[in-house]
Amino acid sequence: MDTNGQPGTRRAAVLGSPIAHSLSPALHRAAYAALGLDHWRYDRFEVDEAALPGFLAGLDPAEWAGLSLTMPLKRAVIPLLDTISDTAASVEAANTVVLRPDGSRQGDNTDIPGMVAALRERGITSVRSAAVLGAGATASSALAALARLGAGEVTAYVRGPARAAEMRQWGERLGVPVRTAEWTDAAKALGEPLVIATTPAGAADHLAGAVSAHPGMLFDVLYDPWPTPLAAAWSARGGAVTGGLDLLVHQAVLQVEQHTGRAPAPLPAIRAAGEAALAAH
């Protein structure tokens, strides 16, 4: 409270590098407005791995409630946390930090339940088999989401033996049978009932021409530009598509709830803000 008995400003922000493209400020600010949290503020900061410890050390817990983290900070933050949820520990990546009044930092991963929620919203409640395009933090989160959906075998299409070994290790850790295949064979992934593309912008564009006549479900985690060539080709052939905005919205819902302590977060307002922000690009 301030000296007039009014709530003091509460702050949250998204950190990453690069960060200028992030839609998180639009989503979280819309949530605060819908919840009537006029004293809440959400910003973005360009922070890389080297700068992260100093940035965290400079936060006043009386003012700061939480952080959203994007690449390359999701794994770099782990040693800087006091506690970590089982979900974040399962993939050694945290995209959410809750800052407690005593100064302690609690990490969580809302990408995993966000993926599950986005798929369930499209009617995907169980998966017999799937393909994952790419490796890294988002790919391991995809494996964790597939584990929650009871997936059978997952084929990961990756570049190089080191990434292949890493994905197989994540599969063993998460309880998902993972076999790996060369990235040069990624077109074969498109016949699976569910394909999760976790690759950077442009990396999967060449696969657009290989989409089958009757594709299943594509979850492309990119959101800008949208649709990607792969998502556009998939839709044109009658396949179901969900994208990065859906993931961003659902993980933001969970972040808002953790940061503010208010639930449920206003999903329609968050989604509308995301759609408006993308349309304005």
C-alpha atoms as a PDB file:
ATOM      1  CA  MET A   1       0.000   0.000   0.000  1.00  0.00           C
ATOM      2  CA  ASP A   2       1.148   3.551  -0.613  1.00  0.00           C
ATOM      3  CA  THR A   3       0.903   6.370   1.912  1.00  0.00           C
ATOM      4  CA  ASN A   4      -2.678   7.113   0.837  1.00  0.00           C
ATOM      5  CA  GLY A   5      -3.810   3.561   1.585  1.00  0.00           C
ATOM      6  CA  GLN A   6      -4.022   2.646  -2.102  1.00  0.00           C
ATOM      7  CA  PRO A   7      -2.432  -0.483  -3.567  1.00  0.00           C
ATOM      8  CA  GLY A   8       1.126   0.191  -4.710  1.00  0.00           C
ATOM      9  CA  THR A   9       2.217  -0.620  -8.247  1.00  0.00           C
ATOM     10  CA  ARG A  10       2.770  -4.307  -8.850  1.00  0.00           C
ATOM     11  CA  ARG A  11       5.072  -5.235 -11.683  1.00  0.00           C
ATOM     12  CA  ALA A  12       5.738  -8.150 -14.017  1.00  0.00           C
ATOM     13  CA  ALA A  13       7.634  -8.393 -17.280  1.00  0.00           C
ATOM     14  CA  VAL A  14       8.868 -10.659 -20.044  1.00  0.00           C
ATOM     15  CA  LEU A  15      12.614 -11.138 -20.452  1.00  0.00           C
ATOM     16  CA  GLY A  16      14.550 -12.520 -23.395  1.00  0.00           C
ATOM     17  CA  SER A  17      16.837 -11.748 -26.298  1.00  0.00           C
ATOM     18  CA  PRO A  18      15.567 -10.724 -28.777  1.00  0.00           C
ATOM     19  CA  ILE A  19      12.407  -9.456 -27.083  1.00  0.00           C
ATOM     20  CA  ALA A  20      10.993  -6.594 -29.190  1.00  0.00           C
ATOM     21  CA  HIS A  21       8.628  -8.987 -31.011  1.00  0.00           C
ATOM     22  CA  SER A  22       7.042 -10.405 -27.852  1.00  0.00           C
ATOM     23  CA  LEU A  23       3.248 -10.322 -27.593  1.00  0.00           C
ATOM     24  CA  SER A  24       3.333 -10.989 -23.854  1.00  0.00           C
ATOM     25  CA  PRO A  25       2.870  -7.335 -22.836  1.00  0.00           C
ATOM     26  CA  ALA A  26      -0.333  -7.081 -24.884  1.00  0.00           C
ATOM     27  CA  LEU A  27      -1.690 -10.322 -23.401  1.00  0.00           C
ATOM     28  CA  HIS A  28      -0.882  -9.603 -19.774  1.00  0.00           C
ATOM     29  CA  ARG A  29      -1.998  -5.966 -19.904  1.00  0.00           C
ATOM     30  CA  ALA A  30      -5.332  -7.076 -21.360  1.00  0.00           C
ATOM     31  CA  ALA A  31      -5.709  -9.550 -18.524  1.00  0.00           C
ATOM     32  CA  TYR A  32      -4.957  -6.877 -15.921  1.00  0.00           C
ATOM     33  CA  ALA A  33      -7.545  -4.563 -17.492  1.00  0.00           C
ATOM     34  CA  ALA A  34     -10.213  -7.281 -17.559  1.00  0.00           C
ATOM     35  CA  LEU A  35      -9.471  -8.166 -13.934  1.00  0.00           C
ATOM     36  CA  GLY A  36      -9.610  -4.525 -12.833  1.00  0.00           C
ATOM     37  CA  LEU A  37      -5.969  -4.568 -11.717  1.00  0.00           C
ATOM     38  CA  ASP A  38      -5.293  -0.926 -12.505  1.00  0.00           C
ATOM     39  CA  HIS A  39      -2.203  -0.830 -10.296  1.00  0.00           C
ATOM     40  CA  TRP A  40      -0.483  -3.627 -12.213  1.00  0.00           C
ATOM     41  CA  ARG A  41       2.161  -2.959 -14.866  1.00  0.00           C
ATOM     42  CA  TYR A  42       3.742  -5.338 -17.392  1.00  0.00           C
ATOM     43  CA  ASP A  43       6.863  -4.526 -19.450  1.00  0.00           C
ATOM     44  CA  ARG A  44       9.477  -6.181 -21.664  1.00  0.00           C
ATOM     45  CA  PHE A  45      13.238  -6.161 -21.162  1.00  0.00           C
ATOM     46  CA  GLU A  46      16.083  -7.231 -23.417  1.00  0.00           C
ATOM     47  CA  VAL A  47      18.051  -9.586 -21.161  1.00  0.00           C
ATOM     48  CA  ASP A  48      20.515 -12.265 -22.228  1.00  0.00           C
ATOM     49  CA  GLU A  49      22.001 -15.118 -20.207  1.00  0.00           C
ATOM     50  CA  ALA A  50      24.950 -13.052 -18.961  1.00  0.00           C
ATOM     51  CA  ALA A  51      22.712 -10.232 -17.721  1.00  0.00           C
ATOM     52  CA  LEU A  52      20.042 -12.411 -16.090  1.00  0.00           C
ATOM     53  CA  PRO A  53      21.613 -12.847 -12.606  1.00  0.00           C
ATOM     54  CA  GLY A  54      22.123  -9.108 -12.220  1.00  0.00           C
ATOM     55  CA  PHE A  55      18.621  -8.297 -13.444  1.00  0.00           C
ATOM     56  CA  LEU A  56      17.038 -10.702 -10.960  1.00  0.00           C
ATOM     57  CA  ALA A  57      19.186  -9.399  -8.114  1.00  0.00           C
ATOM     58  CA  GLY A  58      17.929  -5.864  -8.773  1.00  0.00           C
ATOM     59  CA  LEU A  59      14.217  -6.654  -8.395  1.00  0.00           C
ATOM     60  CA  ASP A  60      12.398  -5.353  -5.327  1.00  0.00           C
ATOM     61  CA  PRO A  61      10.070  -8.146  -4.090  1.00  0.00           C
ATOM     62  CA  ALA A  62       7.773  -5.522  -2.587  1.00  0.00           C
ATOM     63  CA  GLU A  63       7.107  -4.276  -6.115  1.00  0.00           C
ATOM     64  CA  TRP A  64       7.730  -7.216  -8.437  1.00  0.00           C
ATOM     65  CA  ALA A  65       5.314 -10.164  -8.652  1.00  0.00           C
ATOM     66  CA  GLY A  66       6.678 -12.255 -11.495  1.00  0.00           C
ATOM     67  CA  LEU A  67       8.438 -12.752 -14.793  1.00  0.00           C
ATOM     68  CA  SER A  68       7.814 -14.451 -18.108  1.00  0.00           C
ATOM     69  CA  LEU A  69      10.904 -15.877 -19.791  1.00  0.00           C
ATOM     70  CA  THR A  70      11.553 -16.594 -23.422  1.00  0.00           C
ATOM     71  CA  MET A  71      14.685 -17.844 -25.146  1.00  0.00           C
ATOM     72  CA  PRO A  72      17.512 -18.059 -24.274  1.00  0.00           C
ATOM     73  CA  LEU A  73      16.590 -17.809 -20.590  1.00  0.00           C
ATOM     74  CA  LYS A  74      14.306 -20.777 -19.939  1.00  0.00           C
ATOM     75  CA  ARG A  75      17.178 -23.047 -18.956  1.00  0.00           C
ATOM     76  CA  ALA A  76      19.629 -20.377 -17.845  1.00  0.00           C
ATOM     77  CA  VAL A  77      17.263 -19.326 -15.038  1.00  0.00           C
ATOM     78  CA  ILE A  78      17.124 -22.734 -13.337  1.00  0.00           C
ATOM     79  CA  PRO A  79      20.253 -22.291 -11.134  1.00  0.00           C
ATOM     80  CA  LEU A  80      18.961 -18.872 -10.063  1.00  0.00           C
ATOM     81  CA  LEU A  81      15.698 -20.185  -8.589  1.00  0.00           C
ATOM     82  CA  ASP A  82      14.960 -21.161  -4.990  1.00  0.00           C
ATOM     83  CA  THR A  83      12.251 -23.673  -5.863  1.00  0.00           C
ATOM     84  CA  ILE A  84      11.056 -25.243  -9.084  1.00  0.00           C
ATOM     85  CA  SER A  85       7.855 -27.059  -9.960  1.00  0.00           C
ATOM     86  CA  ASP A  86       7.865 -30.700 -10.995  1.00  0.00           C
ATOM     87  CA  THR A  87       6.683 -29.607 -14.437  1.00  0.00           C
ATOM     88  CA  ALA A  88       9.644 -27.275 -14.959  1.00  0.00           C
ATOM     89  CA  ALA A  89      12.069 -29.788 -13.469  1.00  0.00           C
ATOM     90  CA  SER A  90      10.864 -32.481 -15.865  1.00  0.00           C
ATOM     91  CA  VAL A  91      12.269 -30.534 -18.832  1.00  0.00           C
ATOM     92  CA  GLU A  92      14.843 -28.393 -16.996  1.00  0.00           C
ATOM     93  CA  ALA A  93      13.186 -25.262 -18.384  1.00  0.00           C
ATOM     94  CA  ALA A  94      11.156 -22.535 -16.699  1.00  0.00           C
ATOM     95  CA  ASN A  95       9.238 -19.867 -18.584  1.00  0.00           C
ATOM     96  CA  THR A  96       7.533 -18.505 -15.469  1.00  0.00           C
ATOM     97  CA  VAL A  97       8.988 -17.036 -12.281  1.00  0.00           C
ATOM     98  CA  VAL A  98       6.901 -16.030  -9.274  1.00  0.00           C
ATOM     99  CA  LEU A  99       8.641 -13.585  -6.960  1.00  0.00           C
ATOM    100  CA  ARG A 100       7.621 -14.069  -3.338  1.00  0.00           C
ATOM    101  CA  PRO A 101       7.423 -11.244  -0.739  1.00  0.00           C
ATOM    102  CA  ASP A 102      10.392 -12.800   1.094  1.00  0.00           C
ATOM    103  CA  GLY A 103      12.518 -12.437  -2.045  1.00  0.00           C
ATOM    104  CA  SER A 104      12.480 -16.115  -3.011  1.00  0.00           C
ATOM    105  CA  ARG A 105      11.997 -17.140  -6.630  1.00  0.00           C
ATOM    106  CA  GLN A 106       9.729 -19.986  -7.714  1.00  0.00           C
ATOM    107  CA  GLY A 107       9.996 -21.363 -11.239  1.00  0.00           C
ATOM    108  CA  ASP A 108       7.364 -23.119 -13.295  1.00  0.00           C
ATOM    109  CA  ASN A 109       6.771 -24.162 -16.903  1.00  0.00           C
ATOM    110  CA  THR A 110       3.395 -23.136 -18.324  1.00  0.00           C
ATOM    111  CA  ASP A 111       4.389 -24.079 -21.888  1.00  0.00           C
ATOM    112  CA  ILE A 112       3.627 -27.749 -21.206  1.00  0.00           C
ATOM    113  CA  PRO A 113       0.069 -27.357 -19.827  1.00  0.00           C
ATOM    114  CA  GLY A 114      -0.408 -24.563 -22.379  1.00  0.00           C
ATOM    115  CA  MET A 115       0.304 -26.999 -25.216  1.00  0.00           C
ATOM    116  CA  VAL A 116      -2.037 -29.570 -23.719  1.00  0.00           C
ATOM    117  CA  ALA A 117      -4.806 -26.967 -23.336  1.00  0.00           C
ATOM    118  CA  ALA A 118      -4.344 -25.714 -26.908  1.00  0.00           C
ATOM    119  CA  LEU A 119      -4.615 -29.254 -28.282  1.00  0.00           C
ATOM    120  CA  ARG A 120      -7.612 -30.114 -26.110  1.00  0.00           C
ATOM    121  CA  GLU A 121      -9.313 -26.956 -27.323  1.00  0.00           C
ATOM    122  CA  ARG A 122      -9.074 -28.474 -30.830  1.00  0.00           C
ATOM    123  CA  GLY A 123     -10.453 -31.815 -29.659  1.00  0.00           C
ATOM    124  CA  ILE A 124      -7.137 -33.631 -29.205  1.00  0.00           C
ATOM    125  CA  THR A 125      -7.455 -35.404 -25.870  1.00  0.00           C
ATOM    126  CA  SER A 126      -5.308 -38.457 -26.599  1.00  0.00           C
ATOM    127  CA  VAL A 127      -2.602 -39.304 -29.120  1.00  0.00           C
ATOM    128  CA  ARG A 128      -1.593 -42.708 -30.427  1.00  0.00           C
ATOM    129  CA  SER A 129       1.504 -41.458 -32.277  1.00  0.00           C
ATOM    130  CA  ALA A 130       3.036 -38.136 -33.237  1.00  0.00           C
ATOM    131  CA  ALA A 131       6.004 -36.431 -34.844  1.00  0.00           C
ATOM    132  CA  VAL A 132       8.060 -33.558 -33.453  1.00  0.00           C
ATOM    133  CA  LEU A 133      10.041 -31.339 -35.794  1.00  0.00           C
ATOM    134  CA  GLY A 134      13.155 -29.949 -34.137  1.00  0.00           C
ATOM    135  CA  ALA A 135      14.963 -30.202 -30.810  1.00  0.00           C
ATOM    136  CA  GLY A 136      15.610 -27.894 -27.877  1.00  0.00           C
ATOM    137  CA  ALA A 137      13.532 -26.507 -25.009  1.00  0.00           C
ATOM    138  CA  THR A 138      10.285 -26.240 -26.969  1.00  0.00           C
ATOM    139  CA  ALA A 139      10.691 -29.750 -28.375  1.00  0.00           C
ATOM    140  CA  SER A 140      11.237 -31.212 -24.908  1.00  0.00           C
ATOM    141  CA  SER A 141       8.118 -29.362 -23.722  1.00  0.00           C
ATOM    142  CA  ALA A 142       6.262 -30.911 -26.658  1.00  0.00           C
ATOM    143  CA  LEU A 143       7.374 -34.372 -25.521  1.00  0.00           C
ATOM    144  CA  ALA A 144       6.151 -33.595 -21.996  1.00  0.00           C
ATOM    145  CA  ALA A 145       2.785 -32.467 -23.377  1.00  0.00           C
ATOM    146  CA  LEU A 146       2.535 -35.628 -25.468  1.00  0.00           C
ATOM    147  CA  ALA A 147       3.255 -37.675 -22.351  1.00  0.00           C
ATOM    148  CA  ARG A 148       0.267 -36.034 -20.651  1.00  0.00           C
ATOM    149  CA  LEU A 149      -1.865 -36.993 -23.656  1.00  0.00           C
ATOM    150  CA  GLY A 150      -0.776 -40.611 -23.415  1.00  0.00           C
ATOM    151  CA  ALA A 151       1.182 -40.658 -26.645  1.00  0.00           C
ATOM    152  CA  GLY A 152       2.538 -43.888 -28.027  1.00  0.00           C
ATOM    153  CA  GLU A 153       5.658 -43.634 -30.154  1.00  0.00           C
ATOM    154  CA  VAL A 154       6.938 -40.177 -31.066  1.00  0.00           C
ATOM    155  CA  THR A 155       9.336 -39.638 -33.952  1.00  0.00           C
ATOM    156  CA  ALA A 156      11.620 -36.622 -33.615  1.00  0.00           C
ATOM    157  CA  TYR A 157      13.148 -35.210 -36.784  1.00  0.00           C
ATOM    158  CA  VAL A 158      16.393 -33.452 -35.898  1.00  0.00           C
ATOM    159  CA  ARG A 159      19.732 -32.329 -37.272  1.00  0.00           C
ATOM    160  CA  GLY A 160      22.738 -34.332 -36.118  1.00  0.00           C
ATOM    161  CA  PRO A 161      23.440 -37.235 -33.741  1.00  0.00           C
ATOM    162  CA  ALA A 162      23.888 -35.038 -30.656  1.00  0.00           C
ATOM    163  CA  ARG A 163      20.363 -33.623 -30.887  1.00  0.00           C
ATOM    164  CA  ALA A 164      18.996 -37.061 -31.692  1.00  0.00           C
ATOM    165  CA  ALA A 165      20.592 -38.489 -28.551  1.00  0.00           C
ATOM    166  CA  GLU A 166      19.238 -35.590 -26.497  1.00  0.00           C
ATOM    167  CA  MET A 167      15.672 -36.148 -27.707  1.00  0.00           C
ATOM    168  CA  ARG A 168      15.868 -39.871 -26.958  1.00  0.00           C
ATOM    169  CA  GLN A 169      17.098 -39.031 -23.456  1.00  0.00           C
ATOM    170  CA  TRP A 170      14.202 -36.620 -22.950  1.00  0.00           C
ATOM    171  CA  GLY A 171      11.822 -39.349 -24.077  1.00  0.00           C
ATOM    172  CA  GLU A 172      13.234 -41.775 -21.520  1.00  0.00           C
ATOM    173  CA  ARG A 173      13.028 -39.157 -18.803  1.00  0.00           C
ATOM    174  CA  LEU A 174       9.443 -38.182 -19.661  1.00  0.00           C
ATOM    175  CA  GLY A 175       8.168 -41.703 -20.271  1.00  0.00           C
ATOM    176  CA  VAL A 176       7.548 -41.297 -23.999  1.00  0.00           C
ATOM    177  CA  PRO A 177       8.972 -43.782 -26.521  1.00  0.00           C
ATOM    178  CA  VAL A 178      11.030 -41.595 -28.879  1.00  0.00           C
ATOM    179  CA  ARG A 179      12.738 -42.663 -32.049  1.00  0.00           C
ATOM    180  CA  THR A 180      14.755 -40.168 -34.040  1.00  0.00           C
ATOM    181  CA  ALA A 181      15.121 -39.555 -37.753  1.00  0.00           C
ATOM    182  CA  GLU A 182      17.262 -37.299 -39.919  1.00  0.00           C
ATOM    183  CA  TRP A 183      15.970 -33.826 -40.686  1.00  0.00           C
ATOM    184  CA  THR A 184      16.405 -34.599 -44.382  1.00  0.00           C
ATOM    185  CA  ASP A 185      13.549 -37.108 -43.987  1.00  0.00           C
ATOM    186  CA  ALA A 186      11.221 -34.633 -42.247  1.00  0.00           C
ATOM    187  CA  ALA A 187       8.602 -34.882 -45.017  1.00  0.00           C
ATOM    188  CA  LYS A 188       7.812 -38.357 -43.670  1.00  0.00           C
ATOM    189  CA  ALA A 189       6.590 -36.739 -40.459  1.00  0.00           C
ATOM    190  CA  LEU A 190       3.612 -35.214 -42.220  1.00  0.00           C
ATOM    191  CA  GLY A 191       1.731 -38.494 -42.351  1.00  0.00           C
ATOM    192  CA  GLU A 192       1.414 -38.694 -38.567  1.00  0.00           C
ATOM    193  CA  PRO A 193      -1.982 -37.927 -36.970  1.00  0.00           C
ATOM    194  CA  LEU A 194      -0.317 -35.111 -34.985  1.00  0.00           C
ATOM    195  CA  VAL A 195       2.730 -33.088 -36.023  1.00  0.00           C
ATOM    196  CA  ILE A 196       4.276 -30.537 -33.643  1.00  0.00           C
ATOM    197  CA  ALA A 197       6.647 -28.129 -35.391  1.00  0.00           C
ATOM    198  CA  THR A 198       9.060 -26.487 -32.943  1.00  0.00           C
ATOM    199  CA  THR A 199      11.570 -25.163 -35.495  1.00  0.00           C
ATOM    200  CA  PRO A 200      12.573 -21.491 -35.993  1.00  0.00           C
ATOM    201  CA  ALA A 201      10.886 -19.348 -38.643  1.00  0.00           C
ATOM    202  CA  GLY A 202      11.641 -20.584 -42.139  1.00  0.00           C
ATOM    203  CA  ALA A 203      13.167 -23.914 -41.145  1.00  0.00           C
ATOM    204  CA  ALA A 204      10.114 -25.998 -42.097  1.00  0.00           C
ATOM    205  CA  ASP A 205       8.890 -23.895 -45.044  1.00  0.00           C
ATOM    206  CA  HIS A 206      10.223 -26.421 -47.554  1.00  0.00           C
ATOM    207  CA  LEU A 207       7.821 -29.035 -46.190  1.00  0.00           C
ATOM    208  CA  ALA A 208       4.737 -27.128 -47.400  1.00  0.00           C
ATOM    209  CA  GLY A 209       4.826 -28.897 -50.749  1.00  0.00           C
ATOM    210  CA  ALA A 210       4.917 -32.322 -49.096  1.00  0.00           C
ATOM    211  CA  VAL A 211       1.625 -32.058 -47.157  1.00  0.00           C
ATOM    212  CA  SER A 212      -0.574 -35.046 -47.973  1.00  0.00           C
ATOM    213  CA  ALA A 213      -4.082 -34.900 -49.412  1.00  0.00           C
ATOM    214  CA  HIS A 214      -5.650 -35.780 -46.049  1.00  0.00           C
ATOM    215  CA  PRO A 215      -3.427 -34.404 -43.268  1.00  0.00           C
ATOM    216  CA  GLY A 216      -4.121 -34.831 -39.571  1.00  0.00           C
ATOM    217  CA  MET A 217      -3.402 -32.157 -36.975  1.00  0.00           C
ATOM    218  CA  LEU A 218      -0.553 -29.627 -37.156  1.00  0.00           C
ATOM    219  CA  PHE A 219       0.615 -27.683 -34.114  1.00  0.00           C
ATOM    220  CA  ASP A 220       3.057 -25.051 -35.383  1.00  0.00           C
ATOM    221  CA  VAL A 221       4.460 -23.131 -32.411  1.00  0.00           C
ATOM    222  CA  LEU A 222       5.297 -20.045 -34.502  1.00  0.00           C
ATOM    223  CA  TYR A 223       2.895 -17.097 -34.527  1.00  0.00           C
ATOM    224  CA  ASP A 224       4.560 -14.344 -36.536  1.00  0.00           C
ATOM    225  CA  PRO A 225       4.370 -14.361 -39.472  1.00  0.00           C
ATOM    226  CA  TRP A 226       1.163 -16.387 -39.533  1.00  0.00           C
ATOM    227  CA  PRO A 227       0.203 -18.583 -41.154  1.00  0.00           C
ATOM    228  CA  THR A 228       3.548 -20.172 -41.889  1.00  0.00           C
ATOM    229  CA  PRO A 229       3.851 -21.738 -45.358  1.00  0.00           C
ATOM    230  CA  LEU A 230       3.489 -25.164 -43.739  1.00  0.00           C
ATOM    231  CA  ALA A 231       0.362 -24.143 -41.800  1.00  0.00           C
ATOM    232  CA  ALA A 232      -1.164 -22.524 -44.894  1.00  0.00           C
ATOM    233  CA  ALA A 233      -0.579 -25.634 -47.021  1.00  0.00           C
ATOM    234  CA  TRP A 234      -1.945 -27.826 -44.230  1.00  0.00           C
ATOM    235  CA  SER A 235      -5.150 -25.798 -43.979  1.00  0.00           C
ATOM    236  CA  ALA A 236      -5.549 -25.694 -47.760  1.00  0.00           C
ATOM    237  CA  ARG A 237      -5.617 -29.483 -47.778  1.00  0.00           C
ATOM    238  CA  GLY A 238      -8.279 -29.628 -45.097  1.00  0.00           C
ATOM    239  CA  GLY A 239      -6.069 -30.397 -42.127  1.00  0.00           C
ATOM    240  CA  ALA A 240      -6.625 -29.009 -38.633  1.00  0.00           C
ATOM    241  CA  VAL A 241      -4.106 -26.409 -37.495  1.00  0.00           C
ATOM    242  CA  THR A 242      -3.317 -24.770 -34.183  1.00  0.00           C
ATOM    243  CA  GLY A 243      -0.534 -22.249 -33.847  1.00  0.00           C
ATOM    244  CA  GLY A 244       1.811 -20.390 -31.608  1.00  0.00           C
ATOM    245  CA  LEU A 245      -0.767 -17.792 -30.631  1.00  0.00           C
ATOM    246  CA  ASP A 246      -2.928 -20.527 -29.108  1.00  0.00           C
ATOM    247  CA  LEU A 247       0.065 -21.733 -27.111  1.00  0.00           C
ATOM    248  CA  LEU A 248       0.988 -18.197 -26.098  1.00  0.00           C
ATOM    249  CA  VAL A 249      -2.552 -17.473 -24.932  1.00  0.00           C
ATOM    250  CA  HIS A 250      -2.950 -20.624 -22.866  1.00  0.00           C
ATOM    251  CA  GLN A 251       0.450 -20.363 -21.192  1.00  0.00           C
ATOM    252  CA  ALA A 252      -0.214 -16.665 -20.489  1.00  0.00           C
ATOM    253  CA  VAL A 253      -3.501 -17.548 -18.772  1.00  0.00           C
ATOM    254  CA  LEU A 254      -1.564 -19.716 -16.334  1.00  0.00           C
ATOM    255  CA  GLN A 255       1.145 -17.075 -15.844  1.00  0.00           C
ATOM    256  CA  VAL A 256      -1.396 -14.367 -15.058  1.00  0.00           C
ATOM    257  CA  GLU A 257      -3.029 -16.626 -12.478  1.00  0.00           C
ATOM    258  CA  GLN A 258       0.311 -17.363 -10.809  1.00  0.00           C
ATOM    259  CA  HIS A 259       1.550 -13.780 -10.857  1.00  0.00           C
ATOM    260  CA  THR A 260      -1.661 -12.138  -9.651  1.00  0.00           C
ATOM    261  CA  GLY A 261      -3.234 -14.892  -7.573  1.00  0.00           C
ATOM    262  CA  ARG A 262      -6.479 -14.289  -9.471  1.00  0.00           C
ATOM    263  CA  ALA A 263      -8.190 -17.211 -11.208  1.00  0.00           C
ATOM    264  CA  PRO A 264      -9.567 -17.891 -13.663  1.00  0.00           C
ATOM    265  CA  ALA A 265      -7.657 -15.493 -15.880  1.00  0.00           C
ATOM    266  CA  PRO A 266      -9.765 -13.934 -18.678  1.00  0.00           C
ATOM    267  CA  LEU A 267      -8.889 -16.163 -21.638  1.00  0.00           C
ATOM    268  CA  PRO A 268     -11.185 -14.389 -24.164  1.00  0.00           C
ATOM    269  CA  ALA A 269      -9.643 -10.993 -23.379  1.00  0.00           C
ATOM    270  CA  ILE A 270      -6.126 -12.407 -23.602  1.00  0.00           C
ATOM    271  CA  ARG A 271      -6.839 -14.081 -26.935  1.00  0.00           C
ATOM    272  CA  ALA A 272      -8.484 -10.948 -28.386  1.00  0.00           C
ATOM    273  CA  ALA A 273      -5.462  -8.871 -27.374  1.00  0.00           C
ATOM    274  CA  GLY A 274      -3.114 -11.334 -29.062  1.00  0.00           C
ATOM    275  CA  GLU A 275      -5.137 -11.375 -32.261  1.00  0.00           C
ATOM    276  CA  ALA A 276      -5.271  -7.572 -32.319  1.00  0.00           C
ATOM    277  CA  ALA A 277      -1.540  -7.245 -31.737  1.00  0.00           C
ATOM    278  CA  LEU A 278      -0.731  -9.651 -34.571  1.00  0.00           C
ATOM    279  CA  ALA A 279      -3.148  -7.898 -36.904  1.00  0.00           C
ATOM    280  CA  ALA A 280      -1.401  -4.602 -36.177  1.00  0.00           C
ATOM    281  CA  HIS A 281       2.022  -5.950 -37.232  1.00  0.00           C
END
